[in-house]
Amino acid sequence: MRLAKCFIALIAPVFFLFSQGAPNHLEPSPFFPGHGGIARLSKALLPKGRVLLWVMAAPSFHPDYSICLINSSSSIGEPGFQIRYHQASKNFLLPSPPLPPLPPGSKSAHIKRPTTPSTTKLVPVDAQLATAISAVWLRTLQRTRYGPSGDLHMGDDGCIYAFSMNGYLGFTWSPSAQIPSKLVELTKAMIDLANSVQSEVSNSRSKILSICSELTIALDTEIPSRWP
């Protein structure tokens, strides 16, 4: 269990309310005003430039990571897109609690936390794939809202996902409901594509398109008269 998450849950019950049912949509920010975690995460994980959409993830027991869709069009106007996967060397959203003080008489000047090397992968994608991802990403974000009770669904151990596009920002925590789960599944499929060798690219691309189709159907059947 991550002590930092438990600590925040204890001192900020107004902002971390626990609902019984997992919502079938993204939710507004669970972080209290002035929380610096999102700013730290953005600075650490997101590239500067033409980012069309992104997700940043903060797992309890693993380093944070991000997936971005980037407009890589050339200066002469030739269209192009890239998926960028970046895994950080540590957690930025909810940093680990301070290390305990050194025992009396210890000769060690410092205690170092274990870290993993950061990783960045870039893969070019075609316009059809970029358009399919963007369409479901935006539609899902446009439905970001509180649940009927006004509570935010969050627990202790799991993974926080922050999604964004066109100024929208939505969160989910280890989702089990169909729509946010499909968006997380899409995120993981994009990671698989970024890590694919050439012989696997076609299958990874097909998987992404399939997930986008499934998510489109889910969005079409969830109160279609009310949401985009």
C-alpha atoms as a PDB file:
ATOM      1  CA  MET A   1       0.000   0.000   0.000  1.00  0.00           C
ATOM      2  CA  ARG A   2       1.366   3.377  -0.865  1.00  0.00           C
ATOM      3  CA  LEU A   3       1.596   5.466   2.277  1.00  0.00           C
ATOM      4  CA  ALA A   4       1.315   8.712   0.336  1.00  0.00           C
ATOM      5  CA  LYS A   5      -2.105   7.811  -1.022  1.00  0.00           C
ATOM      6  CA  CYS A   6      -3.332   6.698   2.391  1.00  0.00           C
ATOM      7  CA  PHE A   7      -2.068   9.917   3.941  1.00  0.00           C
ATOM      8  CA  ILE A   8      -3.855  12.105   1.408  1.00  0.00           C
ATOM      9  CA  ALA A   9      -7.036  10.074   1.804  1.00  0.00           C
ATOM     10  CA  LEU A  10      -6.934  10.651   5.550  1.00  0.00           C
ATOM     11  CA  ILE A  11      -6.220  14.386   5.542  1.00  0.00           C
ATOM     12  CA  ALA A  12      -8.433  15.341   2.627  1.00  0.00           C
ATOM     13  CA  PRO A  13     -11.738  13.455   2.969  1.00  0.00           C
ATOM     14  CA  VAL A  14     -13.556  16.302   1.244  1.00  0.00           C
ATOM     15  CA  PHE A  15     -11.626  15.657  -1.930  1.00  0.00           C
ATOM     16  CA  PHE A  16     -11.254  11.872  -1.767  1.00  0.00           C
ATOM     17  CA  LEU A  17     -14.748  10.493  -1.378  1.00  0.00           C
ATOM     18  CA  PHE A  18     -15.246   6.801  -1.904  1.00  0.00           C
ATOM     19  CA  SER A  19     -18.252   5.687  -3.893  1.00  0.00           C
ATOM     20  CA  GLN A  20     -19.682   2.189  -3.889  1.00  0.00           C
ATOM     21  CA  GLY A  21     -20.103   1.674  -7.632  1.00  0.00           C
ATOM     22  CA  ALA A  22     -17.539   2.246 -10.356  1.00  0.00           C
ATOM     23  CA  PRO A  23     -18.776   5.005 -12.699  1.00  0.00           C
ATOM     24  CA  ASN A  24     -19.096   4.345 -16.425  1.00  0.00           C
ATOM     25  CA  HIS A  25     -17.402   7.639 -17.298  1.00  0.00           C
ATOM     26  CA  LEU A  26     -14.357   9.744 -16.467  1.00  0.00           C
ATOM     27  CA  GLU A  27     -14.507  12.012 -13.430  1.00  0.00           C
ATOM     28  CA  PRO A  28     -13.197  15.518 -12.625  1.00  0.00           C
ATOM     29  CA  SER A  29      -9.875  15.970 -10.867  1.00  0.00           C
ATOM     30  CA  PRO A  30      -9.686  14.197  -7.485  1.00  0.00           C
ATOM     31  CA  PHE A  31      -6.895  16.499  -6.335  1.00  0.00           C
ATOM     32  CA  PHE A  32      -7.450  19.443  -4.069  1.00  0.00           C
ATOM     33  CA  PRO A  33      -6.726  22.973  -5.366  1.00  0.00           C
ATOM     34  CA  GLY A  34      -3.038  23.727  -5.504  1.00  0.00           C
ATOM     35  CA  HIS A  35      -1.963  20.077  -5.593  1.00  0.00           C
ATOM     36  CA  GLY A  36       1.312  20.028  -7.508  1.00  0.00           C
ATOM     37  CA  GLY A  37       1.184  16.402  -8.607  1.00  0.00           C
ATOM     38  CA  ILE A  38      -0.317  17.029 -12.038  1.00  0.00           C
ATOM     39  CA  ALA A  39       2.180  19.815 -12.756  1.00  0.00           C
ATOM     40  CA  ARG A  40       5.085  17.570 -11.708  1.00  0.00           C
ATOM     41  CA  LEU A  41       3.742  14.712 -13.783  1.00  0.00           C
ATOM     42  CA  SER A  42       3.213  16.881 -16.868  1.00  0.00           C
ATOM     43  CA  LYS A  43       6.716  18.324 -16.681  1.00  0.00           C
ATOM     44  CA  ALA A  44       8.242  14.884 -16.251  1.00  0.00           C
ATOM     45  CA  LEU A  45       6.213  12.914 -18.783  1.00  0.00           C
ATOM     46  CA  LEU A  46       4.892  15.134 -21.553  1.00  0.00           C
ATOM     47  CA  PRO A  47       7.003  16.436 -24.440  1.00  0.00           C
ATOM     48  CA  LYS A  48       6.977  20.031 -25.556  1.00  0.00           C
ATOM     49  CA  GLY A  49       5.324  20.638 -28.879  1.00  0.00           C
ATOM     50  CA  ARG A  50       2.289  19.526 -30.802  1.00  0.00           C
ATOM     51  CA  VAL A  51       0.653  17.033 -28.443  1.00  0.00           C
ATOM     52  CA  LEU A  52      -2.873  16.242 -29.645  1.00  0.00           C
ATOM     53  CA  LEU A  53      -3.935  14.060 -26.731  1.00  0.00           C
ATOM     54  CA  TRP A  54      -2.362  12.352 -23.766  1.00  0.00           C
ATOM     55  CA  VAL A  55      -2.830  10.088 -20.784  1.00  0.00           C
ATOM     56  CA  MET A  56      -0.617  10.049 -17.718  1.00  0.00           C
ATOM     57  CA  ALA A  57      -0.770   7.062 -15.387  1.00  0.00           C
ATOM     58  CA  ALA A  58       0.393   6.763 -11.788  1.00  0.00           C
ATOM     59  CA  PRO A  59       0.443   3.126 -10.596  1.00  0.00           C
ATOM     60  CA  SER A  60       0.884   2.431  -6.897  1.00  0.00           C
ATOM     61  CA  PHE A  61       3.933   0.197  -7.176  1.00  0.00           C
ATOM     62  CA  HIS A  62       5.500   1.141 -10.500  1.00  0.00           C
ATOM     63  CA  PRO A  63       6.937   4.305 -12.096  1.00  0.00           C
ATOM     64  CA  ASP A  64       4.548   6.748 -13.748  1.00  0.00           C
ATOM     65  CA  TYR A  65       4.147   6.670 -17.508  1.00  0.00           C
ATOM     66  CA  SER A  66       2.467   8.551 -20.335  1.00  0.00           C
ATOM     67  CA  ILE A  67       1.142   7.979 -23.837  1.00  0.00           C
ATOM     68  CA  CYS A  68       0.777  10.879 -26.287  1.00  0.00           C
ATOM     69  CA  LEU A  69      -0.464  11.283 -29.829  1.00  0.00           C
ATOM     70  CA  ILE A  70       1.782  13.857 -31.482  1.00  0.00           C
ATOM     71  CA  ASN A  71       1.298  15.881 -34.647  1.00  0.00           C
ATOM     72  CA  SER A  72       4.587  15.296 -36.451  1.00  0.00           C
ATOM     73  CA  SER A  73       3.677  17.128 -39.664  1.00  0.00           C
ATOM     74  CA  SER A  74       6.671  18.437 -41.565  1.00  0.00           C
ATOM     75  CA  SER A  75       7.428  22.092 -42.170  1.00  0.00           C
ATOM     76  CA  ILE A  76       6.251  21.720 -45.783  1.00  0.00           C
ATOM     77  CA  GLY A  77       2.825  20.590 -44.646  1.00  0.00           C
ATOM     78  CA  GLU A  78       3.149  16.838 -45.073  1.00  0.00           C
ATOM     79  CA  PRO A  79       0.811  15.261 -42.476  1.00  0.00           C
ATOM     80  CA  GLY A  80       2.201  12.872 -39.944  1.00  0.00           C
ATOM     81  CA  PHE A  81       1.457  11.439 -36.498  1.00  0.00           C
ATOM     82  CA  GLN A  82       3.423   9.633 -33.826  1.00  0.00           C
ATOM     83  CA  ILE A  83       2.564   7.739 -30.675  1.00  0.00           C
ATOM     84  CA  ARG A  84       5.012   8.486 -27.886  1.00  0.00           C
ATOM     85  CA  TYR A  85       5.342   6.221 -24.857  1.00  0.00           C
ATOM     86  CA  HIS A  86       7.411   7.408 -21.918  1.00  0.00           C
ATOM     87  CA  GLN A  87       8.003   5.606 -18.641  1.00  0.00           C
ATOM     88  CA  ALA A  88       9.547   7.691 -15.898  1.00  0.00           C
ATOM     89  CA  SER A  89      12.161   6.519 -13.426  1.00  0.00           C
ATOM     90  CA  LYS A  90       9.928   7.198 -10.412  1.00  0.00           C
ATOM     91  CA  ASN A  91       6.550   8.459  -9.228  1.00  0.00           C
ATOM     92  CA  PHE A  92       5.701  12.145  -9.694  1.00  0.00           C
ATOM     93  CA  LEU A  93       1.945  12.398  -9.089  1.00  0.00           C
ATOM     94  CA  LEU A  94       2.070  11.135  -5.511  1.00  0.00           C
ATOM     95  CA  PRO A  95       5.728  11.012  -4.464  1.00  0.00           C
ATOM     96  CA  SER A  96       6.834   8.405  -1.964  1.00  0.00           C
ATOM     97  CA  PRO A  97       6.837   9.523   1.679  1.00  0.00           C
ATOM     98  CA  PRO A  98      10.136  10.739   3.172  1.00  0.00           C
ATOM     99  CA  LEU A  99      12.724   8.150   4.038  1.00  0.00           C
ATOM    100  CA  PRO A 100      13.015   7.319   7.744  1.00  0.00           C
ATOM    101  CA  PRO A 101      15.865   8.977   9.677  1.00  0.00           C
ATOM    102  CA  LEU A 102      19.152   7.131   9.862  1.00  0.00           C
ATOM    103  CA  PRO A 103      19.603   5.048  13.014  1.00  0.00           C
ATOM    104  CA  PRO A 104      21.906   6.512  15.677  1.00  0.00           C
ATOM    105  CA  GLY A 105      25.545   5.819  14.952  1.00  0.00           C
ATOM    106  CA  SER A 106      24.957   4.994  11.299  1.00  0.00           C
ATOM    107  CA  LYS A 107      27.919   5.817   9.074  1.00  0.00           C
ATOM    108  CA  SER A 108      25.838   6.012   5.889  1.00  0.00           C
ATOM    109  CA  ALA A 109      25.431   9.549   4.632  1.00  0.00           C
ATOM    110  CA  HIS A 110      22.509   8.758   2.336  1.00  0.00           C
ATOM    111  CA  ILE A 111      19.930   6.083   1.695  1.00  0.00           C
ATOM    112  CA  LYS A 112      19.104   5.787  -2.000  1.00  0.00           C
ATOM    113  CA  ARG A 113      15.736   4.625  -3.244  1.00  0.00           C
ATOM    114  CA  PRO A 114      15.764   2.014  -6.008  1.00  0.00           C
ATOM    115  CA  THR A 115      15.069   3.567  -9.403  1.00  0.00           C
ATOM    116  CA  THR A 116      14.556   2.256 -12.916  1.00  0.00           C
ATOM    117  CA  PRO A 117      15.878   3.911 -16.070  1.00  0.00           C
ATOM    118  CA  SER A 118      13.379   6.074 -17.912  1.00  0.00           C
ATOM    119  CA  THR A 119      12.231   4.799 -21.303  1.00  0.00           C
ATOM    120  CA  THR A 120      10.905   6.640 -24.367  1.00  0.00           C
ATOM    121  CA  LYS A 121       9.536   5.026 -27.517  1.00  0.00           C
ATOM    122  CA  LEU A 122       8.248   6.776 -30.660  1.00  0.00           C
ATOM    123  CA  VAL A 123       6.334   5.070 -33.445  1.00  0.00           C
ATOM    124  CA  PRO A 124       4.790   6.671 -36.559  1.00  0.00           C
ATOM    125  CA  VAL A 125       1.066   6.064 -37.147  1.00  0.00           C
ATOM    126  CA  ASP A 126      -1.168   6.733 -40.114  1.00  0.00           C
ATOM    127  CA  ALA A 127      -3.972   9.301 -40.281  1.00  0.00           C
ATOM    128  CA  GLN A 128      -6.736   6.675 -40.051  1.00  0.00           C
ATOM    129  CA  LEU A 129      -5.397   5.334 -36.772  1.00  0.00           C
ATOM    130  CA  ALA A 130      -4.792   8.819 -35.359  1.00  0.00           C
ATOM    131  CA  THR A 131      -8.331   9.887 -36.301  1.00  0.00           C
ATOM    132  CA  ALA A 132      -9.914   6.782 -34.741  1.00  0.00           C
ATOM    133  CA  ILE A 133      -8.043   7.284 -31.465  1.00  0.00           C
ATOM    134  CA  SER A 134      -8.800  11.008 -31.349  1.00  0.00           C
ATOM    135  CA  ALA A 135     -12.536  10.528 -31.971  1.00  0.00           C
ATOM    136  CA  VAL A 136     -13.175   8.159 -29.051  1.00  0.00           C
ATOM    137  CA  TRP A 137     -10.719   9.990 -26.785  1.00  0.00           C
ATOM    138  CA  LEU A 138     -12.558  13.289 -27.213  1.00  0.00           C
ATOM    139  CA  ARG A 139     -16.064  11.813 -26.932  1.00  0.00           C
ATOM    140  CA  THR A 140     -15.138  10.059 -23.686  1.00  0.00           C
ATOM    141  CA  LEU A 141     -13.588  13.206 -22.235  1.00  0.00           C
ATOM    142  CA  GLN A 142     -16.633  15.298 -23.161  1.00  0.00           C
ATOM    143  CA  ARG A 143     -18.705  13.130 -20.823  1.00  0.00           C
ATOM    144  CA  THR A 144     -16.494  13.717 -17.793  1.00  0.00           C
ATOM    145  CA  ARG A 145     -18.752  14.322 -14.779  1.00  0.00           C
ATOM    146  CA  TYR A 146     -19.390  13.454 -11.156  1.00  0.00           C
ATOM    147  CA  GLY A 147     -21.474  10.402 -10.323  1.00  0.00           C
ATOM    148  CA  PRO A 148     -25.072  10.718  -9.058  1.00  0.00           C
ATOM    149  CA  SER A 149     -23.917  11.051  -5.445  1.00  0.00           C
ATOM    150  CA  GLY A 150     -21.222  13.587  -6.262  1.00  0.00           C
ATOM    151  CA  ASP A 151     -18.581  11.236  -4.857  1.00  0.00           C
ATOM    152  CA  LEU A 152     -15.303  10.387  -6.568  1.00  0.00           C
ATOM    153  CA  HIS A 153     -14.451   6.726  -7.048  1.00  0.00           C
ATOM    154  CA  MET A 154     -10.962   6.052  -5.684  1.00  0.00           C
ATOM    155  CA  GLY A 155      -9.213   3.518  -3.492  1.00  0.00           C
ATOM    156  CA  ASP A 156      -5.805   2.961  -1.928  1.00  0.00           C
ATOM    157  CA  ASP A 157      -3.859   0.654  -4.241  1.00  0.00           C
ATOM    158  CA  GLY A 158      -4.394   0.799  -7.980  1.00  0.00           C
ATOM    159  CA  CYS A 159      -3.631   3.166 -10.830  1.00  0.00           C
ATOM    160  CA  ILE A 160      -4.760   6.746 -11.417  1.00  0.00           C
ATOM    161  CA  TYR A 161      -5.209   7.708 -15.081  1.00  0.00           C
ATOM    162  CA  ALA A 162      -5.419  11.338 -16.209  1.00  0.00           C
ATOM    163  CA  PHE A 163      -6.701  11.805 -19.780  1.00  0.00           C
ATOM    164  CA  SER A 164      -6.684  15.054 -21.751  1.00  0.00           C
ATOM    165  CA  MET A 165      -7.489  16.481 -25.175  1.00  0.00           C
ATOM    166  CA  ASN A 166      -8.629  19.891 -26.448  1.00  0.00           C
ATOM    167  CA  GLY A 167      -8.600  21.361 -22.943  1.00  0.00           C
ATOM    168  CA  TYR A 168     -10.692  18.563 -21.407  1.00  0.00           C
ATOM    169  CA  LEU A 169      -9.282  16.682 -18.416  1.00  0.00           C
ATOM    170  CA  GLY A 170     -10.768  13.527 -16.933  1.00  0.00           C
ATOM    171  CA  PHE A 171      -9.621  10.978 -14.379  1.00  0.00           C
ATOM    172  CA  THR A 172     -10.326   7.362 -13.564  1.00  0.00           C
ATOM    173  CA  TRP A 173      -8.952   5.014 -10.919  1.00  0.00           C
ATOM    174  CA  SER A 174      -8.412   1.326 -11.791  1.00  0.00           C
ATOM    175  CA  PRO A 175     -11.683   1.264 -13.735  1.00  0.00           C
ATOM    176  CA  SER A 176     -14.010  -1.728 -13.996  1.00  0.00           C
ATOM    177  CA  ALA A 177     -16.926  -0.105 -15.839  1.00  0.00           C
ATOM    178  CA  GLN A 178     -17.068  -0.514 -19.616  1.00  0.00           C
ATOM    179  CA  ILE A 179     -16.237   2.931 -21.030  1.00  0.00           C
ATOM    180  CA  PRO A 180     -13.276   3.953 -18.823  1.00  0.00           C
ATOM    181  CA  SER A 181     -11.987   0.363 -18.936  1.00  0.00           C
ATOM    182  CA  LYS A 182     -12.005   0.471 -22.738  1.00  0.00           C
ATOM    183  CA  LEU A 183     -10.097   3.758 -22.693  1.00  0.00           C
ATOM    184  CA  VAL A 184      -7.455   2.194 -20.434  1.00  0.00           C
ATOM    185  CA  GLU A 185      -7.399  -0.855 -22.728  1.00  0.00           C
ATOM    186  CA  LEU A 186      -6.807   1.513 -25.641  1.00  0.00           C
ATOM    187  CA  THR A 187      -3.952   3.128 -23.706  1.00  0.00           C
ATOM    188  CA  LYS A 188      -2.293  -0.259 -23.160  1.00  0.00           C
ATOM    189  CA  ALA A 189      -2.771  -1.189 -26.820  1.00  0.00           C
ATOM    190  CA  MET A 190      -0.997   2.041 -27.783  1.00  0.00           C
ATOM    191  CA  ILE A 191       1.870   1.075 -25.480  1.00  0.00           C
ATOM    192  CA  ASP A 192       2.011  -2.336 -27.158  1.00  0.00           C
ATOM    193  CA  LEU A 193       2.239  -0.616 -30.549  1.00  0.00           C
ATOM    194  CA  ALA A 194       5.050   1.634 -29.318  1.00  0.00           C
ATOM    195  CA  ASN A 195       6.948  -1.450 -28.118  1.00  0.00           C
ATOM    196  CA  SER A 196       6.199  -3.601 -31.185  1.00  0.00           C
ATOM    197  CA  VAL A 197       8.832  -4.942 -33.506  1.00  0.00           C
ATOM    198  CA  GLN A 198       8.095  -4.490 -37.202  1.00  0.00           C
ATOM    199  CA  SER A 199       6.429  -7.900 -37.584  1.00  0.00           C
ATOM    200  CA  GLU A 200       3.945  -7.066 -34.795  1.00  0.00           C
ATOM    201  CA  VAL A 201       2.925  -3.584 -35.952  1.00  0.00           C
ATOM    202  CA  SER A 202       0.031  -4.704 -38.156  1.00  0.00           C
ATOM    203  CA  ASN A 203      -1.576  -6.782 -35.391  1.00  0.00           C
ATOM    204  CA  SER A 204      -1.083  -3.971 -32.855  1.00  0.00           C
ATOM    205  CA  ARG A 205      -2.674  -1.481 -35.227  1.00  0.00           C
ATOM    206  CA  SER A 206      -5.660  -3.773 -35.844  1.00  0.00           C
ATOM    207  CA  LYS A 207      -6.133  -4.213 -32.100  1.00  0.00           C
ATOM    208  CA  ILE A 208      -6.279  -0.445 -31.585  1.00  0.00           C
ATOM    209  CA  LEU A 209      -8.880  -0.030 -34.332  1.00  0.00           C
ATOM    210  CA  SER A 210     -10.935  -2.859 -32.824  1.00  0.00           C
ATOM    211  CA  ILE A 211     -10.889  -1.253 -29.378  1.00  0.00           C
ATOM    212  CA  CYS A 212     -11.872   2.098 -30.894  1.00  0.00           C
ATOM    213  CA  SER A 213     -14.860   0.425 -32.581  1.00  0.00           C
ATOM    214  CA  GLU A 214     -15.914  -1.252 -29.327  1.00  0.00           C
ATOM    215  CA  LEU A 215     -15.590   2.032 -27.450  1.00  0.00           C
ATOM    216  CA  THR A 216     -17.635   3.830 -30.110  1.00  0.00           C
ATOM    217  CA  ILE A 217     -20.455   1.292 -29.664  1.00  0.00           C
ATOM    218  CA  ALA A 218     -20.297   1.711 -25.884  1.00  0.00           C
ATOM    219  CA  LEU A 219     -20.458   5.497 -26.209  1.00  0.00           C
ATOM    220  CA  ASP A 220     -23.356   5.256 -28.673  1.00  0.00           C
ATOM    221  CA  THR A 221     -25.415   3.151 -26.278  1.00  0.00           C
ATOM    222  CA  GLU A 222     -24.736   5.172 -23.099  1.00  0.00           C
ATOM    223  CA  ILE A 223     -27.526   7.787 -23.000  1.00  0.00           C
ATOM    224  CA  PRO A 224     -26.975   8.768 -26.655  1.00  0.00           C
ATOM    225  CA  SER A 225     -29.515  11.602 -26.537  1.00  0.00           C
ATOM    226  CA  ARG A 226     -27.611  13.410 -23.814  1.00  0.00           C
ATOM    227  CA  TRP A 227     -23.917  13.048 -24.603  1.00  0.00           C
ATOM    228  CA  PRO A 228     -21.745  13.892 -27.661  1.00  0.00           C
END
